[in-house]
Amino acid sequence: MRWAHKYEADSLKTLIEDHLIKDVPVKTGSLAHALSYSLLRRRAQCLKAMVADLREHVDELGLLAKRETLQEMETARG
């Protein structure tokens, strides 16, 4: 996925995202991965699964929110 994203190989990125959605269960790190590579459909799938079982994913979502916030602060600081 990293190379598909880096080199803007959209058709390859779509194929990988299709595979993730179809064959890879949502687990720790799935949402972060989807966000990192702008996988909108995978992100939606992850969020839907996490909302359906919020107790299972609340800690992960908290950590992700903190990490994303820290990254935004670093970027803004320059």
Protein backbone atom coordinates (compact mmCIF):
# COMPACT_ATOMS: atom_id res chain seq x y z
CA MET A 1 0.00 0.00 0.00
CA ARG A 2 2.85 2.36 0.80
CA TRP A 3 4.18 2.31 -2.77
CA ALA A 4 0.73 2.56 -4.32
CA HIS A 5 0.09 5.63 -2.18
CA LYS A 6 3.54 7.15 -2.75
CA TYR A 7 3.44 6.76 -6.50
CA GLU A 8 -0.25 7.60 -6.77
CA ALA A 9 -1.06 4.28 -8.41
CA ASP A 10 -4.79 4.67 -7.90
CA SER A 11 -5.84 1.45 -9.62
CA LEU A 12 -3.45 -0.58 -7.45
CA LYS A 13 -4.58 1.30 -4.37
CA THR A 14 -8.20 0.47 -5.21
CA LEU A 15 -7.38 -3.22 -5.65
CA ILE A 16 -5.61 -3.31 -2.29
CA GLU A 17 -8.46 -1.49 -0.58
CA ASP A 18 -10.95 -3.93 -2.13
CA HIS A 19 -8.91 -6.81 -0.69
CA LEU A 20 -8.75 -5.21 2.75
CA ILE A 21 -12.50 -4.63 2.82
CA LYS A 22 -13.34 -8.13 1.63
CA ASP A 23 -10.72 -10.30 3.33
CA VAL A 24 -9.11 -8.51 6.29
CA PRO A 25 -11.11 -8.16 9.50
CA VAL A 26 -11.16 -4.87 11.34
CA LYS A 27 -8.68 -5.01 14.19
CA THR A 28 -6.27 -2.81 16.08
CA GLY A 29 -4.52 -0.57 13.62
CA SER A 30 -7.03 -0.98 10.77
CA LEU A 31 -8.47 2.50 11.16
CA ALA A 32 -5.04 4.11 11.53
CA HIS A 33 -3.90 2.33 8.37
CA ALA A 34 -7.00 3.48 6.47
CA LEU A 35 -6.45 7.06 7.62
CA SER A 36 -2.74 7.00 6.77
CA TYR A 37 -3.37 5.99 3.18
CA SER A 38 -6.66 7.85 2.61
CA LEU A 39 -8.68 4.67 2.16
CA LEU A 40 -12.14 6.17 2.46
CA ARG A 41 -14.16 2.97 2.03
CA ARG A 42 -11.93 1.04 4.45
CA ARG A 43 -12.17 3.93 6.92
CA ALA A 44 -15.97 3.78 6.73
CA GLN A 45 -15.89 0.00 7.23
CA CYS A 46 -13.62 0.36 10.28
CA LEU A 47 -15.73 3.08 11.84
CA LYS A 48 -18.92 1.10 11.32
CA ALA A 49 -17.38 -1.99 12.93
CA MET A 50 -15.96 0.02 15.83
CA VAL A 51 -19.21 1.84 16.53
CA ALA A 52 -21.03 -1.51 16.52
CA ASP A 53 -18.72 -2.72 19.32
CA LEU A 54 -17.57 0.50 20.95
CA ARG A 55 -16.49 -1.12 24.21
CA GLU A 56 -14.02 -3.30 22.32
CA HIS A 57 -12.47 -0.37 20.46
CA VAL A 58 -12.72 2.60 22.83
CA ASP A 59 -9.09 2.41 24.00
CA GLU A 60 -7.79 2.14 20.45
CA LEU A 61 -9.88 5.10 19.34
CA GLY A 62 -8.58 7.14 22.26
CA LEU A 63 -4.97 6.34 21.39
CA LEU A 64 -5.58 7.08 17.73
CA ALA A 65 -7.16 10.42 18.56
CA LYS A 66 -4.19 11.35 20.73
CA ARG A 67 -1.69 10.30 18.06
CA GLU A 68 -3.52 12.15 15.30
CA THR A 69 -3.78 15.27 17.47
CA LEU A 70 -0.07 15.13 18.28
CA GLN A 71 0.77 14.74 14.59
CA GLU A 72 -1.39 17.74 13.70
CA MET A 73 0.29 19.81 16.42
CA GLU A 74 3.75 18.85 15.12
CA THR A 75 2.74 19.79 11.57
CA ALA A 76 1.28 23.10 12.68
CA ARG A 77 4.39 23.90 14.70
CA GLY A 78 6.55 23.32 11.63
